[in-house]
Amino acid sequence: MAKMGVIGDKDSVMLYKAVGLDVFYETDGDKANRRLHRLAREGYAVVFVTEQLYAACSDTVKEYANEAYPAIVPIPDSHGSQGAGMQALKENVEKAVGVDILFNN
């Protein structure tokens, strides 16, 4: 079974422990970057990251964007969504399909 983890502040990610994900409490972007690299080396298939840290880890996210693993997925934090998840979805659909089929106006 593939390993899955979540990185974020305690209030935002504590619940994920109840569903069996490995939880890592981080609030600092540099520490979150190091944690992402460590989880990639340890074979994590999916790592969920709160949107605030996702933005702070943008270089690391780009580094793994063309790799099969880990999939780094932004999630809202305890303060709500900042739109990073929807933006990532939009970019991935555009890359796969070639056009913006979700938000074309």
N, C-alpha and C. Protein backbone atom coordinates (compact mmCIF):
# COMPACT_ATOMS: atom_id res chain seq x y z
N MET A 1 0.85 -1.18 0.00
CA MET A 1 0.00 0.00 0.00
C MET A 1 0.89 1.24 0.00
N ALA A 2 0.55 2.21 -0.82
CA ALA A 2 1.34 3.43 -0.96
C ALA A 2 1.20 4.30 0.29
N LYS A 3 2.30 4.94 0.64
CA LYS A 3 2.28 5.84 1.79
C LYS A 3 1.74 7.20 1.37
N MET A 4 0.92 7.77 2.25
CA MET A 4 0.37 9.10 2.02
C MET A 4 0.58 9.94 3.27
N GLY A 5 0.89 11.21 3.07
CA GLY A 5 1.12 12.09 4.20
C GLY A 5 0.51 13.45 3.97
N VAL A 6 0.50 14.24 5.02
CA VAL A 6 -0.02 15.59 4.94
C VAL A 6 0.87 16.50 5.78
N ILE A 7 1.14 17.68 5.24
CA ILE A 7 2.01 18.66 5.90
C ILE A 7 1.23 19.95 6.09
N GLY A 8 1.27 20.48 7.30
CA GLY A 8 0.60 21.75 7.56
C GLY A 8 0.57 22.06 9.04
N ASP A 9 -0.10 23.16 9.37
CA ASP A 9 -0.20 23.54 10.77
C ASP A 9 -1.12 22.56 11.49
N LYS A 10 -0.93 22.44 12.79
CA LYS A 10 -1.61 21.42 13.59
C LYS A 10 -3.13 21.49 13.46
N ASP A 11 -3.70 22.67 13.52
CA ASP A 11 -5.16 22.81 13.45
C ASP A 11 -5.72 22.34 12.11
N SER A 12 -4.95 22.49 11.05
CA SER A 12 -5.43 22.15 9.71
C SER A 12 -5.29 20.68 9.37
N VAL A 13 -4.29 20.00 9.92
CA VAL A 13 -4.00 18.64 9.47
C VAL A 13 -4.22 17.55 10.50
N MET A 14 -4.54 17.92 11.74
CA MET A 14 -4.71 16.94 12.80
C MET A 14 -5.76 15.88 12.43
N LEU A 15 -6.83 16.28 11.79
CA LEU A 15 -7.91 15.36 11.43
C LEU A 15 -7.45 14.25 10.48
N TYR A 16 -6.46 14.52 9.65
CA TYR A 16 -5.98 13.53 8.69
C TYR A 16 -5.36 12.31 9.37
N LYS A 17 -4.90 12.49 10.58
CA LYS A 17 -4.35 11.38 11.35
C LYS A 17 -5.44 10.34 11.61
N ALA A 18 -6.66 10.80 11.81
CA ALA A 18 -7.78 9.90 12.10
C ALA A 18 -8.13 9.00 10.92
N VAL A 19 -7.81 9.43 9.71
CA VAL A 19 -8.11 8.60 8.54
C VAL A 19 -6.89 7.82 8.06
N GLY A 20 -5.82 7.84 8.85
CA GLY A 20 -4.68 6.98 8.58
C GLY A 20 -3.52 7.58 7.82
N LEU A 21 -3.56 8.89 7.54
CA LEU A 21 -2.42 9.51 6.87
C LEU A 21 -1.33 9.83 7.89
N ASP A 22 -0.10 9.84 7.42
CA ASP A 22 1.01 10.29 8.26
C ASP A 22 0.97 11.81 8.29
N VAL A 23 0.97 12.38 9.47
CA VAL A 23 0.79 13.82 9.63
C VAL A 23 2.11 14.45 10.11
N PHE A 24 2.47 15.56 9.46
CA PHE A 24 3.68 16.28 9.79
C PHE A 24 3.32 17.74 10.02
N TYR A 25 3.56 18.21 11.24
CA TYR A 25 3.21 19.58 11.59
C TYR A 25 4.35 20.52 11.21
N GLU A 26 4.08 21.38 10.26
CA GLU A 26 5.06 22.39 9.83
C GLU A 26 4.32 23.69 9.56
N THR A 27 4.96 24.80 9.88
CA THR A 27 4.40 26.10 9.55
C THR A 27 5.41 26.96 8.78
N ASP A 28 6.65 26.51 8.76
CA ASP A 28 7.72 27.25 8.10
C ASP A 28 7.97 26.67 6.70
N GLY A 29 8.05 27.52 5.70
CA GLY A 29 8.25 27.08 4.33
C GLY A 29 9.53 26.30 4.10
N ASP A 30 10.65 26.74 4.70
CA ASP A 30 11.92 26.03 4.54
C ASP A 30 11.87 24.63 5.14
N LYS A 31 11.27 24.52 6.30
CA LYS A 31 11.15 23.21 6.94
C LYS A 31 10.21 22.31 6.13
N ALA A 32 9.15 22.89 5.57
CA ALA A 32 8.23 22.12 4.74
C ALA A 32 8.92 21.63 3.47
N ASN A 33 9.78 22.45 2.88
CA ASN A 33 10.56 22.03 1.71
C ASN A 33 11.43 20.83 2.04
N ARG A 34 12.14 20.92 3.15
CA ARG A 34 12.99 19.80 3.57
C ARG A 34 12.16 18.55 3.83
N ARG A 35 10.99 18.74 4.44
CA ARG A 35 10.11 17.60 4.72
C ARG A 35 9.63 16.96 3.41
N LEU A 36 9.27 17.77 2.42
CA LEU A 36 8.83 17.23 1.13
C LEU A 36 9.93 16.38 0.49
N HIS A 37 11.15 16.88 0.50
CA HIS A 37 12.27 16.11 -0.06
C HIS A 37 12.46 14.80 0.69
N ARG A 38 12.35 14.85 2.01
CA ARG A 38 12.52 13.65 2.82
C ARG A 38 11.41 12.63 2.52
N LEU A 39 10.17 13.11 2.41
CA LEU A 39 9.06 12.19 2.12
C LEU A 39 9.20 11.59 0.72
N ALA A 40 9.71 12.35 -0.23
CA ALA A 40 9.94 11.82 -1.57
C ALA A 40 10.98 10.71 -1.53
N ARG A 41 12.06 10.92 -0.78
CA ARG A 41 13.10 9.89 -0.64
C ARG A 41 12.56 8.64 0.06
N GLU A 42 11.61 8.83 0.96
CA GLU A 42 11.06 7.71 1.71
C GLU A 42 9.94 6.98 0.96
N GLY A 43 9.64 7.41 -0.26
CA GLY A 43 8.70 6.68 -1.09
C GLY A 43 7.24 7.03 -0.93
N TYR A 44 6.93 8.21 -0.43
CA TYR A 44 5.53 8.61 -0.32
C TYR A 44 4.95 8.83 -1.72
N ALA A 45 3.77 8.30 -1.96
CA ALA A 45 3.13 8.44 -3.26
C ALA A 45 2.36 9.74 -3.37
N VAL A 46 1.72 10.15 -2.27
CA VAL A 46 0.92 11.38 -2.26
C VAL A 46 1.24 12.15 -0.99
N VAL A 47 1.46 13.45 -1.16
CA VAL A 47 1.66 14.33 -0.02
C VAL A 47 0.72 15.52 -0.18
N PHE A 48 -0.20 15.65 0.77
CA PHE A 48 -1.09 16.79 0.80
C PHE A 48 -0.41 17.89 1.59
N VAL A 49 -0.50 19.13 1.09
CA VAL A 49 0.16 20.27 1.72
C VAL A 49 -0.85 21.41 1.82
N THR A 50 -0.94 22.05 2.99
CA THR A 50 -1.86 23.18 3.10
C THR A 50 -1.47 24.26 2.09
N GLU A 51 -2.47 24.99 1.61
CA GLU A 51 -2.24 25.95 0.53
C GLU A 51 -1.17 26.99 0.88
N GLN A 52 -1.13 27.43 2.12
CA GLN A 52 -0.13 28.42 2.52
C GLN A 52 1.28 27.86 2.35
N LEU A 53 1.50 26.62 2.78
CA LEU A 53 2.82 26.01 2.62
C LEU A 53 3.07 25.62 1.16
N TYR A 54 2.02 25.25 0.45
CA TYR A 54 2.15 24.91 -0.96
C TYR A 54 2.75 26.08 -1.73
N ALA A 55 2.27 27.28 -1.43
CA ALA A 55 2.82 28.48 -2.08
C ALA A 55 4.27 28.70 -1.67
N ALA A 56 4.59 28.45 -0.40
CA ALA A 56 5.96 28.64 0.07
C ALA A 56 6.91 27.58 -0.48
N CYS A 57 6.36 26.47 -0.93
CA CYS A 57 7.17 25.35 -1.45
C CYS A 57 7.08 25.25 -2.98
N SER A 58 6.77 26.34 -3.64
CA SER A 58 6.52 26.29 -5.08
C SER A 58 7.70 25.72 -5.87
N ASP A 59 8.94 26.03 -5.48
CA ASP A 59 10.10 25.49 -6.21
C ASP A 59 10.19 23.98 -6.06
N THR A 60 9.94 23.48 -4.87
CA THR A 60 9.97 22.04 -4.63
C THR A 60 8.83 21.36 -5.36
N VAL A 61 7.66 21.97 -5.37
CA VAL A 61 6.51 21.42 -6.09
C VAL A 61 6.84 21.30 -7.57
N LYS A 62 7.46 22.33 -8.14
CA LYS A 62 7.85 22.30 -9.56
C LYS A 62 8.89 21.21 -9.82
N GLU A 63 9.77 21.01 -8.86
CA GLU A 63 10.81 20.00 -8.99
C GLU A 63 10.21 18.60 -9.18
N TYR A 64 9.13 18.32 -8.48
CA TYR A 64 8.50 17.00 -8.54
C TYR A 64 7.32 16.94 -9.52
N ALA A 65 7.02 18.03 -10.19
CA ALA A 65 5.85 18.09 -11.08
C ALA A 65 5.91 17.06 -12.21
N ASN A 66 7.08 16.77 -12.71
CA ASN A 66 7.20 15.83 -13.82
C ASN A 66 7.57 14.42 -13.38
N GLU A 67 7.61 14.21 -12.08
CA GLU A 67 7.90 12.89 -11.52
C GLU A 67 6.59 12.17 -11.23
N ALA A 68 6.64 10.85 -11.29
CA ALA A 68 5.44 10.08 -10.98
C ALA A 68 5.07 10.21 -9.50
N TYR A 69 6.08 10.24 -8.65
CA TYR A 69 5.85 10.33 -7.21
C TYR A 69 6.83 11.29 -6.59
N PRO A 70 6.47 11.98 -5.59
CA PRO A 70 5.15 12.05 -4.98
C PRO A 70 4.26 13.03 -5.72
N ALA A 71 2.97 12.77 -5.69
CA ALA A 71 2.00 13.75 -6.14
C ALA A 71 1.82 14.71 -4.97
N ILE A 72 2.05 15.98 -5.20
CA ILE A 72 1.92 16.99 -4.15
C ILE A 72 0.63 17.76 -4.41
N VAL A 73 -0.31 17.64 -3.47
CA VAL A 73 -1.66 18.15 -3.67
C VAL A 73 -1.96 19.23 -2.63
N PRO A 74 -2.34 20.44 -3.10
CA PRO A 74 -2.69 21.49 -2.14
C PRO A 74 -4.07 21.24 -1.53
N ILE A 75 -4.20 21.54 -0.24
CA ILE A 75 -5.48 21.43 0.45
C ILE A 75 -5.72 22.72 1.23
N PRO A 76 -6.98 23.08 1.44
CA PRO A 76 -7.26 24.28 2.25
C PRO A 76 -6.79 24.08 3.68
N ASP A 77 -6.43 25.18 4.33
CA ASP A 77 -6.07 25.08 5.73
C ASP A 77 -7.28 25.43 6.59
N SER A 78 -7.09 25.58 7.87
CA SER A 78 -8.21 25.82 8.77
C SER A 78 -8.87 27.18 8.56
N HIS A 79 -8.25 28.05 7.78
CA HIS A 79 -8.79 29.37 7.49
C HIS A 79 -9.57 29.41 6.18
N GLY A 80 -9.63 28.30 5.46
CA GLY A 80 -10.36 28.24 4.20
C GLY A 80 -9.44 28.21 3.00
N SER A 81 -10.03 28.12 1.84
CA SER A 81 -9.27 27.98 0.60
C SER A 81 -8.76 29.32 0.10
N GLN A 82 -7.55 29.29 -0.45
CA GLN A 82 -6.97 30.47 -1.09
C GLN A 82 -6.99 30.33 -2.61
N GLY A 83 -7.53 29.21 -3.11
CA GLY A 83 -7.64 29.00 -4.55
C GLY A 83 -6.48 28.26 -5.18
N ALA A 84 -5.47 27.87 -4.42
CA ALA A 84 -4.29 27.20 -4.99
C ALA A 84 -4.66 25.83 -5.56
N GLY A 85 -5.54 25.12 -4.89
CA GLY A 85 -5.95 23.80 -5.37
C GLY A 85 -6.65 23.89 -6.71
N MET A 86 -7.56 24.82 -6.85
CA MET A 86 -8.28 24.99 -8.11
C MET A 86 -7.33 25.44 -9.21
N GLN A 87 -6.38 26.30 -8.89
CA GLN A 87 -5.40 26.75 -9.88
C GLN A 87 -4.53 25.60 -10.35
N ALA A 88 -4.11 24.73 -9.42
CA ALA A 88 -3.30 23.57 -9.79
C ALA A 88 -4.10 22.62 -10.67
N LEU A 89 -5.36 22.41 -10.34
CA LEU A 89 -6.22 21.56 -11.16
C LEU A 89 -6.37 22.14 -12.56
N LYS A 90 -6.61 23.43 -12.65
CA LYS A 90 -6.75 24.11 -13.94
C LYS A 90 -5.50 23.93 -14.80
N GLU A 91 -4.32 24.13 -14.19
CA GLU A 91 -3.07 24.00 -14.93
C GLU A 91 -2.84 22.57 -15.40
N ASN A 92 -3.17 21.59 -14.57
CA ASN A 92 -3.00 20.19 -14.97
C ASN A 92 -3.95 19.79 -16.08
N VAL A 93 -5.18 20.27 -16.04
CA VAL A 93 -6.13 19.97 -17.11
C VAL A 93 -5.67 20.62 -18.41
N GLU A 94 -5.21 21.86 -18.33
CA GLU A 94 -4.70 22.53 -19.53
C GLU A 94 -3.52 21.77 -20.12
N LYS A 95 -2.64 21.29 -19.26
CA LYS A 95 -1.47 20.55 -19.73
C LYS A 95 -1.91 19.24 -20.41
N ALA A 96 -2.88 18.57 -19.82
CA ALA A 96 -3.33 17.28 -20.35
C ALA A 96 -4.15 17.42 -21.62
N VAL A 97 -5.03 18.41 -21.66
CA VAL A 97 -5.98 18.55 -22.78
C VAL A 97 -5.48 19.53 -23.83
N GLY A 98 -4.72 20.52 -23.40
CA GLY A 98 -4.20 21.50 -24.34
C GLY A 98 -4.97 22.81 -24.33
N VAL A 99 -6.13 22.84 -23.71
CA VAL A 99 -6.93 24.06 -23.61
C VAL A 99 -7.60 24.10 -22.24
N ASP A 100 -8.05 25.28 -21.89
CA ASP A 100 -8.77 25.46 -20.63
C ASP A 100 -10.23 25.08 -20.81
N ILE A 101 -10.58 23.87 -20.42
CA ILE A 101 -11.96 23.41 -20.57
C ILE A 101 -12.78 23.65 -19.30
N LEU A 102 -12.12 24.03 -18.21
CA LEU A 102 -12.83 24.23 -16.95
C LEU A 102 -13.32 25.65 -16.78
N PHE A 103 -12.51 26.62 -17.15
CA PHE A 103 -12.83 28.01 -16.84
C PHE A 103 -12.87 28.92 -18.05
N ASN A 104 -12.97 28.34 -19.24
CA ASN A 104 -12.95 29.23 -20.42
C ASN A 104 -14.22 30.07 -20.45
N ASN A 105 -14.02 31.35 -20.56
CA ASN A 105 -15.16 32.30 -20.56
C ASN A 105 -15.27 32.95 -21.91
